[in-house]
Amino acid sequence: KVAVVGEPIRRWLPEWDRIAAAAQLGQRNEQGPVYYEQILAEFQKLQARHPAFASITLCWMQGERDAKTGLAAAYERALTQLIANLRRDLRCPAMNVVIGRVSDHAPGEELQAGWDAVRAVQVNIARQDPHGAWVDTDDLNDKMQNGKPLDDLHYTKAGYALFGQRLARQGVRLIRGEPPDAAGREGPGGGGEEV
């Protein structure tokens, strides 16, 4: 597990500067891919304890920062490259990928296009990848503020628990060779879910 709050995808990606230039974005990776090596180090620790693993599943939840800072134009190439890098460096070309789609939070009129673009990219990458699935989070951030419904950026306590269940369920489907739930919500067997 490598979890970092509010970071752009470039912090995981050695190729960011090339990808950003191709998308005509000025943002460069000044700090470098500081988190990518952490993923590899965590994997090495797991592999030392469990040398005969049968599969690898990456659960990816990230994208808000890119969507809100004008970097959505490079997100598809960046996420595709990150997945390819991990499959190469973990020596697992069939690595499963479960992507949490950023929620239906409305960041404001000037940021909405980037937000929507990142959401679409996440689902498209998951659907196009034979080892991919996505998880819907649109119902996990529903809160009330001043008596009115609010699609908050962050999930409710129950929403976080359900998000983890959805990631696991989609991952299990991929490991078993079953098609993932197309809506990114239901558990194995097509039934409903409980928190």
N, C-alpha and C. Protein backbone atom coordinates (compact mmCIF):
# COMPACT_ATOMS: atom_id res chain seq x y z
N LYS A 1 0.85 -1.18 0.00
CA LYS A 1 0.00 0.00 0.00
C LYS A 1 0.89 1.24 0.00
N VAL A 2 0.67 2.08 -0.99
CA VAL A 2 1.33 3.38 -1.05
C VAL A 2 0.21 4.40 -1.23
N ALA A 3 -0.17 5.05 -0.15
CA ALA A 3 -1.28 5.98 -0.19
C ALA A 3 -0.79 7.38 0.17
N VAL A 4 -1.03 8.32 -0.73
CA VAL A 4 -0.61 9.70 -0.53
C VAL A 4 -1.77 10.60 -0.94
N VAL A 5 -2.11 11.54 -0.11
CA VAL A 5 -3.27 12.39 -0.35
C VAL A 5 -2.93 13.54 -1.30
N GLY A 6 -3.82 13.78 -2.26
CA GLY A 6 -3.77 14.98 -3.07
C GLY A 6 -2.58 15.14 -4.00
N GLU A 7 -2.02 14.06 -4.48
CA GLU A 7 -0.84 14.14 -5.35
C GLU A 7 -1.22 13.88 -6.80
N PRO A 8 -0.55 14.56 -7.74
CA PRO A 8 -0.78 14.31 -9.16
C PRO A 8 -0.10 13.03 -9.60
N ILE A 9 -0.54 12.48 -10.71
CA ILE A 9 -0.01 11.21 -11.20
C ILE A 9 1.47 11.30 -11.53
N ARG A 10 1.96 12.49 -11.84
CA ARG A 10 3.38 12.61 -12.20
C ARG A 10 4.31 12.16 -11.08
N ARG A 11 3.84 12.16 -9.84
CA ARG A 11 4.69 11.73 -8.72
C ARG A 11 4.98 10.23 -8.74
N TRP A 12 4.25 9.50 -9.60
CA TRP A 12 4.47 8.06 -9.77
C TRP A 12 5.12 7.74 -11.10
N LEU A 13 5.41 8.73 -11.93
CA LEU A 13 5.69 8.46 -13.33
C LEU A 13 7.01 9.06 -13.82
N PRO A 14 8.01 8.22 -14.10
CA PRO A 14 9.28 8.72 -14.63
C PRO A 14 9.14 9.42 -15.98
N GLU A 15 8.16 9.05 -16.76
CA GLU A 15 8.01 9.58 -18.11
C GLU A 15 7.15 10.85 -18.17
N TRP A 16 6.81 11.41 -17.03
CA TRP A 16 5.87 12.53 -17.03
C TRP A 16 6.29 13.69 -17.93
N ASP A 17 7.53 14.12 -17.87
CA ASP A 17 7.94 15.30 -18.62
C ASP A 17 7.71 15.11 -20.12
N ARG A 18 8.01 13.94 -20.63
CA ARG A 18 7.78 13.65 -22.05
C ARG A 18 6.28 13.65 -22.37
N ILE A 19 5.49 13.04 -21.50
CA ILE A 19 4.04 12.98 -21.70
C ILE A 19 3.43 14.38 -21.63
N ALA A 20 3.87 15.18 -20.66
CA ALA A 20 3.35 16.54 -20.52
C ALA A 20 3.71 17.38 -21.74
N ALA A 21 4.92 17.25 -22.23
CA ALA A 21 5.33 18.02 -23.41
C ALA A 21 4.48 17.64 -24.62
N ALA A 22 4.21 16.34 -24.79
CA ALA A 22 3.38 15.89 -25.91
C ALA A 22 1.96 16.44 -25.81
N ALA A 23 1.47 16.65 -24.59
CA ALA A 23 0.13 17.21 -24.38
C ALA A 23 0.16 18.73 -24.32
N GLN A 24 1.33 19.30 -24.56
CA GLN A 24 1.53 20.76 -24.54
C GLN A 24 1.20 21.36 -23.18
N LEU A 25 1.64 20.66 -22.14
CA LEU A 25 1.48 21.14 -20.78
C LEU A 25 2.83 21.59 -20.26
N GLY A 26 2.86 22.67 -19.53
CA GLY A 26 4.11 23.21 -19.02
C GLY A 26 4.58 22.58 -17.72
N GLN A 27 3.69 21.90 -17.01
CA GLN A 27 4.03 21.34 -15.70
C GLN A 27 5.05 20.22 -15.83
N ARG A 28 6.17 20.33 -15.14
CA ARG A 28 7.21 19.31 -15.16
C ARG A 28 7.28 18.62 -13.81
N ASN A 29 7.98 17.52 -13.78
CA ASN A 29 8.08 16.68 -12.59
C ASN A 29 9.33 17.05 -11.80
N GLU A 30 9.31 18.22 -11.16
CA GLU A 30 10.49 18.73 -10.47
C GLU A 30 10.99 17.78 -9.39
N GLN A 31 10.08 17.16 -8.67
CA GLN A 31 10.47 16.26 -7.58
C GLN A 31 10.73 14.84 -8.06
N GLY A 32 10.38 14.55 -9.30
CA GLY A 32 10.56 13.20 -9.81
C GLY A 32 9.46 12.26 -9.34
N PRO A 33 9.54 11.01 -9.78
CA PRO A 33 8.51 10.02 -9.42
C PRO A 33 8.76 9.44 -8.02
N VAL A 34 8.55 10.24 -7.01
CA VAL A 34 8.93 9.87 -5.65
C VAL A 34 8.18 8.65 -5.10
N TYR A 35 7.00 8.35 -5.64
CA TYR A 35 6.21 7.25 -5.08
C TYR A 35 6.35 5.94 -5.84
N TYR A 36 6.85 6.00 -7.05
CA TYR A 36 6.96 4.78 -7.84
C TYR A 36 7.89 3.76 -7.17
N GLU A 37 9.03 4.21 -6.72
CA GLU A 37 9.97 3.31 -6.06
C GLU A 37 9.38 2.73 -4.77
N GLN A 38 8.49 3.49 -4.13
CA GLN A 38 7.84 2.97 -2.92
C GLN A 38 6.95 1.78 -3.25
N ILE A 39 6.27 1.83 -4.39
CA ILE A 39 5.44 0.70 -4.79
C ILE A 39 6.32 -0.54 -4.99
N LEU A 40 7.44 -0.36 -5.69
CA LEU A 40 8.33 -1.49 -5.94
C LEU A 40 8.91 -2.03 -4.64
N ALA A 41 9.26 -1.15 -3.71
CA ALA A 41 9.81 -1.59 -2.42
C ALA A 41 8.77 -2.35 -1.61
N GLU A 42 7.53 -1.87 -1.61
CA GLU A 42 6.46 -2.58 -0.89
C GLU A 42 6.22 -3.95 -1.51
N PHE A 43 6.28 -4.01 -2.83
CA PHE A 43 6.09 -5.30 -3.50
C PHE A 43 7.21 -6.27 -3.13
N GLN A 44 8.44 -5.78 -3.06
CA GLN A 44 9.56 -6.66 -2.69
C GLN A 44 9.38 -7.22 -1.29
N LYS A 45 8.86 -6.41 -0.37
CA LYS A 45 8.60 -6.90 0.99
C LYS A 45 7.55 -8.01 0.97
N LEU A 46 6.48 -7.79 0.21
CA LEU A 46 5.44 -8.82 0.10
C LEU A 46 5.97 -10.08 -0.55
N GLN A 47 6.76 -9.90 -1.59
CA GLN A 47 7.31 -11.05 -2.31
C GLN A 47 8.25 -11.86 -1.42
N ALA A 48 8.95 -11.21 -0.53
CA ALA A 48 9.84 -11.93 0.40
C ALA A 48 9.02 -12.83 1.32
N ARG A 49 7.85 -12.37 1.73
CA ARG A 49 6.99 -13.17 2.62
C ARG A 49 6.15 -14.18 1.85
N HIS A 50 5.82 -13.87 0.59
CA HIS A 50 4.96 -14.72 -0.23
C HIS A 50 5.59 -14.89 -1.62
N PRO A 51 6.64 -15.70 -1.72
CA PRO A 51 7.37 -15.78 -2.99
C PRO A 51 6.59 -16.43 -4.13
N ALA A 52 5.57 -17.19 -3.82
CA ALA A 52 4.85 -17.92 -4.88
C ALA A 52 3.47 -17.30 -5.11
N PHE A 53 3.42 -16.00 -5.38
CA PHE A 53 2.13 -15.37 -5.61
C PHE A 53 1.53 -15.85 -6.92
N ALA A 54 0.21 -15.91 -6.96
CA ALA A 54 -0.49 -16.39 -8.16
C ALA A 54 -0.90 -15.25 -9.09
N SER A 55 -1.09 -14.06 -8.51
CA SER A 55 -1.51 -12.93 -9.33
C SER A 55 -1.19 -11.64 -8.60
N ILE A 56 -1.25 -10.54 -9.35
CA ILE A 56 -1.08 -9.21 -8.78
C ILE A 56 -2.26 -8.36 -9.25
N THR A 57 -2.84 -7.62 -8.32
CA THR A 57 -3.91 -6.69 -8.66
C THR A 57 -3.56 -5.31 -8.11
N LEU A 58 -3.48 -4.34 -8.98
CA LEU A 58 -3.26 -2.96 -8.59
C LEU A 58 -4.61 -2.29 -8.39
N CYS A 59 -4.82 -1.70 -7.22
CA CYS A 59 -6.01 -0.89 -6.96
C CYS A 59 -5.55 0.56 -7.00
N TRP A 60 -6.09 1.33 -7.93
CA TRP A 60 -5.65 2.69 -8.17
C TRP A 60 -6.79 3.68 -7.92
N MET A 61 -6.58 4.61 -6.98
CA MET A 61 -7.55 5.68 -6.73
C MET A 61 -6.76 6.97 -6.67
N GLN A 62 -6.84 7.73 -7.74
CA GLN A 62 -6.08 8.97 -7.87
C GLN A 62 -6.63 9.71 -9.08
N GLY A 63 -6.45 11.00 -9.13
CA GLY A 63 -6.86 11.75 -10.31
C GLY A 63 -7.45 13.11 -10.01
N GLU A 64 -7.88 13.32 -8.76
CA GLU A 64 -8.50 14.60 -8.42
C GLU A 64 -7.56 15.77 -8.67
N ARG A 65 -6.29 15.63 -8.25
CA ARG A 65 -5.33 16.72 -8.39
C ARG A 65 -5.10 17.05 -9.87
N ASP A 66 -4.96 16.04 -10.71
CA ASP A 66 -4.76 16.28 -12.14
C ASP A 66 -5.99 16.96 -12.75
N ALA A 67 -7.17 16.52 -12.33
CA ALA A 67 -8.41 17.08 -12.86
C ALA A 67 -8.57 18.54 -12.47
N LYS A 68 -8.12 18.90 -11.27
CA LYS A 68 -8.34 20.25 -10.76
C LYS A 68 -7.22 21.23 -11.10
N THR A 69 -6.14 20.76 -11.69
CA THR A 69 -5.00 21.65 -11.97
C THR A 69 -4.66 21.73 -13.45
N GLY A 70 -5.62 21.39 -14.31
CA GLY A 70 -5.42 21.57 -15.74
C GLY A 70 -4.53 20.54 -16.40
N LEU A 71 -4.39 19.37 -15.80
CA LEU A 71 -3.50 18.35 -16.34
C LEU A 71 -4.24 17.17 -16.96
N ALA A 72 -5.54 17.30 -17.14
CA ALA A 72 -6.34 16.18 -17.66
C ALA A 72 -5.91 15.75 -19.05
N ALA A 73 -5.36 16.64 -19.85
CA ALA A 73 -4.97 16.30 -21.22
C ALA A 73 -3.89 15.23 -21.28
N ALA A 74 -3.12 15.08 -20.20
CA ALA A 74 -2.05 14.07 -20.18
C ALA A 74 -2.43 12.84 -19.37
N TYR A 75 -3.61 12.84 -18.76
CA TYR A 75 -3.95 11.78 -17.81
C TYR A 75 -4.03 10.40 -18.45
N GLU A 76 -4.63 10.30 -19.61
CA GLU A 76 -4.76 8.98 -20.24
C GLU A 76 -3.40 8.37 -20.55
N ARG A 77 -2.53 9.14 -21.17
CA ARG A 77 -1.19 8.61 -21.49
C ARG A 77 -0.42 8.30 -20.21
N ALA A 78 -0.58 9.13 -19.19
CA ALA A 78 0.14 8.93 -17.94
C ALA A 78 -0.31 7.66 -17.23
N LEU A 79 -1.62 7.45 -17.10
CA LEU A 79 -2.11 6.26 -16.42
C LEU A 79 -1.79 4.99 -17.21
N THR A 80 -1.92 5.06 -18.52
CA THR A 80 -1.57 3.91 -19.36
C THR A 80 -0.10 3.57 -19.20
N GLN A 81 0.77 4.58 -19.17
CA GLN A 81 2.21 4.36 -18.99
C GLN A 81 2.52 3.78 -17.62
N LEU A 82 1.86 4.29 -16.59
CA LEU A 82 2.09 3.79 -15.23
C LEU A 82 1.75 2.31 -15.14
N ILE A 83 0.62 1.93 -15.70
CA ILE A 83 0.21 0.52 -15.68
C ILE A 83 1.24 -0.33 -16.42
N ALA A 84 1.68 0.14 -17.58
CA ALA A 84 2.69 -0.60 -18.36
C ALA A 84 4.00 -0.72 -17.58
N ASN A 85 4.40 0.35 -16.91
CA ASN A 85 5.63 0.32 -16.11
C ASN A 85 5.54 -0.72 -15.00
N LEU A 86 4.42 -0.74 -14.30
CA LEU A 86 4.26 -1.70 -13.20
C LEU A 86 4.23 -3.13 -13.71
N ARG A 87 3.55 -3.36 -14.82
CA ARG A 87 3.53 -4.71 -15.37
C ARG A 87 4.93 -5.16 -15.75
N ARG A 88 5.72 -4.24 -16.28
CA ARG A 88 7.11 -4.55 -16.63
C ARG A 88 7.96 -4.79 -15.39
N ASP A 89 7.94 -3.85 -14.45
CA ASP A 89 8.85 -3.90 -13.31
C ASP A 89 8.46 -4.94 -12.26
N LEU A 90 7.19 -5.30 -12.22
CA LEU A 90 6.76 -6.38 -11.32
C LEU A 90 6.80 -7.73 -12.02
N ARG A 91 7.20 -7.71 -13.29
CA ARG A 91 7.31 -8.92 -14.12
C ARG A 91 5.99 -9.69 -14.13
N CYS A 92 4.92 -8.94 -14.34
CA CYS A 92 3.59 -9.53 -14.35
C CYS A 92 2.76 -8.88 -15.46
N PRO A 93 2.95 -9.31 -16.71
CA PRO A 93 2.23 -8.68 -17.81
C PRO A 93 0.71 -8.83 -17.71
N ALA A 94 0.24 -9.79 -16.92
CA ALA A 94 -1.19 -9.99 -16.74
C ALA A 94 -1.70 -9.36 -15.44
N MET A 95 -0.94 -8.41 -14.90
CA MET A 95 -1.36 -7.75 -13.67
C MET A 95 -2.76 -7.17 -13.85
N ASN A 96 -3.63 -7.44 -12.89
CA ASN A 96 -4.97 -6.87 -12.90
C ASN A 96 -4.92 -5.42 -12.42
N VAL A 97 -5.85 -4.62 -12.90
CA VAL A 97 -5.93 -3.21 -12.52
C VAL A 97 -7.38 -2.88 -12.20
N VAL A 98 -7.63 -2.40 -10.99
CA VAL A 98 -8.96 -1.92 -10.61
C VAL A 98 -8.82 -0.43 -10.31
N ILE A 99 -9.51 0.39 -11.10
CA ILE A 99 -9.39 1.84 -11.01
C ILE A 99 -10.63 2.43 -10.35
N GLY A 100 -10.43 3.16 -9.28
CA GLY A 100 -11.52 3.90 -8.68
C GLY A 100 -11.73 5.19 -9.46
N ARG A 101 -12.92 5.36 -10.02
CA ARG A 101 -13.20 6.58 -10.77
C ARG A 101 -13.47 7.72 -9.79
N VAL A 102 -12.86 8.88 -10.04
CA VAL A 102 -13.11 10.02 -9.16
C VAL A 102 -14.61 10.29 -9.13
N SER A 103 -15.08 10.78 -8.01
CA SER A 103 -16.51 10.90 -7.76
C SER A 103 -17.19 11.96 -8.61
N ASP A 104 -18.49 12.07 -8.44
CA ASP A 104 -19.29 13.06 -9.15
C ASP A 104 -19.28 14.42 -8.47
N HIS A 105 -18.32 14.64 -7.62
CA HIS A 105 -18.12 15.95 -7.00
C HIS A 105 -18.02 17.01 -8.10
N ALA A 106 -18.68 18.11 -7.94
CA ALA A 106 -18.62 19.19 -8.93
C ALA A 106 -17.63 20.25 -8.45
N PRO A 107 -16.45 20.32 -9.07
CA PRO A 107 -15.41 21.24 -8.58
C PRO A 107 -15.60 22.69 -8.99
N GLY A 108 -16.64 22.98 -9.75
CA GLY A 108 -16.88 24.35 -10.21
C GLY A 108 -16.78 24.44 -11.72
N GLU A 109 -17.42 25.43 -12.27
CA GLU A 109 -17.55 25.55 -13.73
C GLU A 109 -16.21 25.54 -14.46
N GLU A 110 -15.22 26.25 -13.94
CA GLU A 110 -13.94 26.33 -14.66
C GLU A 110 -13.13 25.04 -14.59
N LEU A 111 -13.42 24.18 -13.65
CA LEU A 111 -12.68 22.92 -13.50
C LEU A 111 -13.46 21.70 -13.97
N GLN A 112 -14.73 21.86 -14.28
CA GLN A 112 -15.59 20.71 -14.57
C GLN A 112 -15.13 19.91 -15.78
N ALA A 113 -14.67 20.57 -16.84
CA ALA A 113 -14.26 19.84 -18.05
C ALA A 113 -13.09 18.90 -17.76
N GLY A 114 -12.12 19.36 -16.99
CA GLY A 114 -10.99 18.50 -16.63
C GLY A 114 -11.42 17.35 -15.74
N TRP A 115 -12.32 17.64 -14.81
CA TRP A 115 -12.85 16.61 -13.91
C TRP A 115 -13.55 15.52 -14.71
N ASP A 116 -14.43 15.94 -15.63
CA ASP A 116 -15.16 14.98 -16.45
C ASP A 116 -14.23 14.18 -17.35
N ALA A 117 -13.18 14.82 -17.86
CA ALA A 117 -12.22 14.13 -18.73
C ALA A 117 -11.49 13.03 -17.97
N VAL A 118 -11.04 13.32 -16.76
CA VAL A 118 -10.33 12.30 -15.96
C VAL A 118 -11.27 11.14 -15.65
N ARG A 119 -12.51 11.43 -15.29
CA ARG A 119 -13.49 10.37 -15.02
C ARG A 119 -13.66 9.47 -16.24
N ALA A 120 -13.79 10.06 -17.40
CA ALA A 120 -13.98 9.27 -18.63
C ALA A 120 -12.75 8.43 -18.93
N VAL A 121 -11.57 9.00 -18.77
CA VAL A 121 -10.33 8.27 -19.03
C VAL A 121 -10.24 7.05 -18.11
N GLN A 122 -10.54 7.22 -16.84
CA GLN A 122 -10.42 6.10 -15.90
C GLN A 122 -11.31 4.93 -16.31
N VAL A 123 -12.53 5.21 -16.69
CA VAL A 123 -13.44 4.14 -17.11
C VAL A 123 -12.98 3.52 -18.43
N ASN A 124 -12.57 4.35 -19.38
CA ASN A 124 -12.14 3.84 -20.68
C ASN A 124 -10.92 2.94 -20.58
N ILE A 125 -9.94 3.35 -19.79
CA ILE A 125 -8.75 2.51 -19.62
C ILE A 125 -9.14 1.16 -19.02
N ALA A 126 -9.97 1.19 -17.99
CA ALA A 126 -10.39 -0.06 -17.35
C ALA A 126 -11.15 -0.96 -18.32
N ARG A 127 -12.03 -0.39 -19.10
CA ARG A 127 -12.83 -1.19 -20.03
C ARG A 127 -12.01 -1.74 -21.19
N GLN A 128 -11.01 -1.02 -21.63
CA GLN A 128 -10.20 -1.46 -22.76
C GLN A 128 -9.13 -2.47 -22.36
N ASP A 129 -8.82 -2.55 -21.09
CA ASP A 129 -7.77 -3.45 -20.62
C ASP A 129 -8.38 -4.82 -20.33
N PRO A 130 -7.87 -5.89 -20.94
CA PRO A 130 -8.44 -7.22 -20.67
C PRO A 130 -8.28 -7.67 -19.22
N HIS A 131 -7.43 -6.99 -18.47
CA HIS A 131 -7.23 -7.28 -17.05
C HIS A 131 -7.66 -6.09 -16.19
N GLY A 132 -8.63 -5.32 -16.70
CA GLY A 132 -9.02 -4.10 -16.01
C GLY A 132 -10.47 -4.08 -15.56
N ALA A 133 -10.72 -3.29 -14.54
CA ALA A 133 -12.08 -3.04 -14.02
C ALA A 133 -12.06 -1.65 -13.40
N TRP A 134 -13.24 -1.11 -13.20
CA TRP A 134 -13.34 0.18 -12.54
C TRP A 134 -14.38 0.11 -11.44
N VAL A 135 -14.31 1.08 -10.54
CA VAL A 135 -15.24 1.14 -9.41
C VAL A 135 -15.90 2.51 -9.41
N ASP A 136 -17.22 2.51 -9.32
CA ASP A 136 -18.02 3.73 -9.25
C ASP A 136 -17.99 4.26 -7.81
N THR A 137 -17.79 5.55 -7.67
CA THR A 137 -17.79 6.17 -6.34
C THR A 137 -18.85 7.26 -6.21
N ASP A 138 -19.72 7.39 -7.21
CA ASP A 138 -20.65 8.50 -7.24
C ASP A 138 -21.64 8.51 -6.08
N ASP A 139 -21.92 7.37 -5.49
CA ASP A 139 -22.86 7.32 -4.37
C ASP A 139 -22.16 7.28 -3.02
N LEU A 140 -20.84 7.38 -3.01
CA LEU A 140 -20.09 7.23 -1.76
C LEU A 140 -19.81 8.56 -1.08
N ASN A 141 -20.09 9.67 -1.77
CA ASN A 141 -19.77 10.99 -1.25
C ASN A 141 -21.02 11.82 -0.98
N ASP A 142 -22.17 11.17 -0.94
CA ASP A 142 -23.45 11.89 -0.75
C ASP A 142 -23.60 12.31 0.71
N LYS A 143 -23.62 13.62 0.92
CA LYS A 143 -23.74 14.17 2.26
C LYS A 143 -24.81 15.24 2.26
N MET A 144 -25.16 15.71 3.44
CA MET A 144 -26.10 16.82 3.58
C MET A 144 -25.34 18.00 4.18
N GLN A 145 -25.58 19.18 3.61
CA GLN A 145 -24.98 20.40 4.15
C GLN A 145 -26.05 21.49 4.18
N ASN A 146 -26.31 22.00 5.36
CA ASN A 146 -27.36 23.01 5.55
C ASN A 146 -28.70 22.52 5.00
N GLY A 147 -28.99 21.23 5.21
CA GLY A 147 -30.26 20.66 4.79
C GLY A 147 -30.36 20.37 3.30
N LYS A 148 -29.26 20.52 2.56
CA LYS A 148 -29.29 20.27 1.11
C LYS A 148 -28.31 19.16 0.77
N PRO A 149 -28.64 18.34 -0.27
CA PRO A 149 -27.71 17.30 -0.69
C PRO A 149 -26.43 17.90 -1.27
N LEU A 150 -25.32 17.25 -0.99
CA LEU A 150 -24.01 17.71 -1.45
C LEU A 150 -23.19 16.52 -1.93
N ASP A 151 -22.65 16.61 -3.14
CA ASP A 151 -21.69 15.62 -3.62
C ASP A 151 -20.31 16.10 -3.20
N ASP A 152 -19.91 15.70 -2.01
CA ASP A 152 -18.65 16.16 -1.43
C ASP A 152 -17.46 15.53 -2.16
N LEU A 153 -16.30 16.13 -2.02
CA LEU A 153 -15.09 15.54 -2.58
C LEU A 153 -14.75 14.24 -1.86
N HIS A 154 -14.93 14.22 -0.55
CA HIS A 154 -14.58 13.05 0.25
C HIS A 154 -15.82 12.21 0.55
N TYR A 155 -15.60 10.94 0.80
CA TYR A 155 -16.70 10.00 1.02
C TYR A 155 -17.16 10.05 2.48
N THR A 156 -18.30 9.46 2.72
CA THR A 156 -18.76 9.25 4.09
C THR A 156 -17.97 8.08 4.68
N LYS A 157 -18.10 7.89 5.98
CA LYS A 157 -17.43 6.74 6.62
C LYS A 157 -17.91 5.44 5.99
N ALA A 158 -19.22 5.30 5.82
CA ALA A 158 -19.77 4.10 5.19
C ALA A 158 -19.32 4.02 3.73
N GLY A 159 -19.18 5.18 3.08
CA GLY A 159 -18.73 5.21 1.69
C GLY A 159 -17.33 4.66 1.51
N TYR A 160 -16.42 5.00 2.43
CA TYR A 160 -15.06 4.46 2.35
C TYR A 160 -15.07 2.94 2.49
N ALA A 161 -15.87 2.44 3.41
CA ALA A 161 -15.95 0.98 3.59
C ALA A 161 -16.49 0.30 2.34
N LEU A 162 -17.53 0.87 1.75
CA LEU A 162 -18.11 0.30 0.54
C LEU A 162 -17.14 0.40 -0.63
N PHE A 163 -16.38 1.48 -0.70
CA PHE A 163 -15.36 1.62 -1.74
C PHE A 163 -14.35 0.48 -1.67
N GLY A 164 -13.87 0.18 -0.47
CA GLY A 164 -12.94 -0.93 -0.30
C GLY A 164 -13.55 -2.26 -0.72
N GLN A 165 -14.83 -2.46 -0.39
CA GLN A 165 -15.51 -3.69 -0.80
C GLN A 165 -15.61 -3.78 -2.32
N ARG A 166 -15.92 -2.67 -2.96
CA ARG A 166 -16.04 -2.68 -4.42
C ARG A 166 -14.71 -2.96 -5.09
N LEU A 167 -13.64 -2.35 -4.58
CA LEU A 167 -12.31 -2.65 -5.12
C LEU A 167 -12.03 -4.14 -5.01
N ALA A 168 -12.27 -4.70 -3.83
CA ALA A 168 -12.00 -6.11 -3.61
C ALA A 168 -12.86 -7.00 -4.51
N ARG A 169 -14.13 -6.68 -4.63
CA ARG A 169 -15.02 -7.50 -5.45
C ARG A 169 -14.62 -7.48 -6.92
N GLN A 170 -14.28 -6.32 -7.43
CA GLN A 170 -13.84 -6.26 -8.82
C GLN A 170 -12.52 -7.02 -8.99
N GLY A 171 -11.62 -6.87 -8.01
CA GLY A 171 -10.36 -7.60 -8.07
C GLY A 171 -10.56 -9.10 -8.06
N VAL A 172 -11.47 -9.58 -7.22
CA VAL A 172 -11.76 -11.02 -7.15
C VAL A 172 -12.30 -11.51 -8.49
N ARG A 173 -13.18 -10.76 -9.09
CA ARG A 173 -13.73 -11.15 -10.40
C ARG A 173 -12.59 -11.30 -11.41
N LEU A 174 -11.67 -10.34 -11.44
CA LEU A 174 -10.56 -10.42 -12.40
C LEU A 174 -9.67 -11.63 -12.10
N ILE A 175 -9.38 -11.86 -10.83
CA ILE A 175 -8.54 -13.00 -10.46
C ILE A 175 -9.18 -14.32 -10.88
N ARG A 176 -10.50 -14.41 -10.73
CA ARG A 176 -11.21 -15.64 -11.11
C ARG A 176 -11.42 -15.77 -12.61
N GLY A 177 -11.07 -14.73 -13.37
CA GLY A 177 -11.29 -14.76 -14.81
C GLY A 177 -12.72 -14.44 -15.20
N GLU A 178 -13.48 -13.85 -14.28
CA GLU A 178 -14.86 -13.47 -14.54
C GLU A 178 -14.90 -12.03 -15.06
N PRO A 179 -15.90 -11.70 -15.85
CA PRO A 179 -16.00 -10.30 -16.28
C PRO A 179 -16.31 -9.40 -15.08
N PRO A 180 -15.68 -8.23 -15.02
CA PRO A 180 -15.99 -7.32 -13.92
C PRO A 180 -17.38 -6.73 -14.09
N ASP A 181 -17.93 -6.24 -13.00
CA ASP A 181 -19.23 -5.59 -13.07
C ASP A 181 -19.10 -4.33 -13.92
N ALA A 182 -19.88 -4.23 -14.98
CA ALA A 182 -19.78 -3.12 -15.92
C ALA A 182 -20.13 -1.78 -15.29
N ALA A 183 -20.96 -1.79 -14.26
CA ALA A 183 -21.35 -0.55 -13.59
C ALA A 183 -20.43 -0.19 -12.44
N GLY A 184 -19.46 -1.06 -12.14
CA GLY A 184 -18.49 -0.77 -11.10
C GLY A 184 -19.03 -0.81 -9.69
N ARG A 185 -20.11 -1.59 -9.45
CA ARG A 185 -20.74 -1.57 -8.13
C ARG A 185 -21.01 -2.94 -7.51
N GLU A 186 -21.60 -3.83 -8.27
CA GLU A 186 -22.12 -5.07 -7.68
C GLU A 186 -21.03 -6.05 -7.30
N GLY A 187 -21.37 -6.88 -6.35
CA GLY A 187 -20.46 -7.92 -5.90
C GLY A 187 -20.55 -9.16 -6.77
N PRO A 188 -19.78 -10.21 -6.45
CA PRO A 188 -19.83 -11.45 -7.20
C PRO A 188 -21.25 -12.01 -7.26
N GLY A 189 -21.62 -12.53 -8.38
CA GLY A 189 -22.94 -13.12 -8.54
C GLY A 189 -24.02 -12.13 -8.89
N GLY A 190 -23.68 -10.84 -9.01
CA GLY A 190 -24.64 -9.84 -9.43
C GLY A 190 -25.57 -9.35 -8.34
N GLY A 191 -25.38 -9.79 -7.10
CA GLY A 191 -26.27 -9.37 -6.04
C GLY A 191 -25.98 -7.98 -5.54
N GLY A 192 -26.83 -7.52 -4.66
CA GLY A 192 -26.61 -6.21 -4.06
C GLY A 192 -25.47 -6.25 -3.07
N GLU A 193 -25.27 -5.16 -2.39
CA GLU A 193 -24.15 -5.12 -1.44
C GLU A 193 -24.55 -4.43 -0.16
N GLU A 194 -23.90 -4.78 0.90
CA GLU A 194 -24.15 -4.17 2.18
C GLU A 194 -22.83 -3.67 2.74
N VAL A 195 -22.91 -2.64 3.54
CA VAL A 195 -21.71 -2.13 4.19
C VAL A 195 -21.51 -2.88 5.49
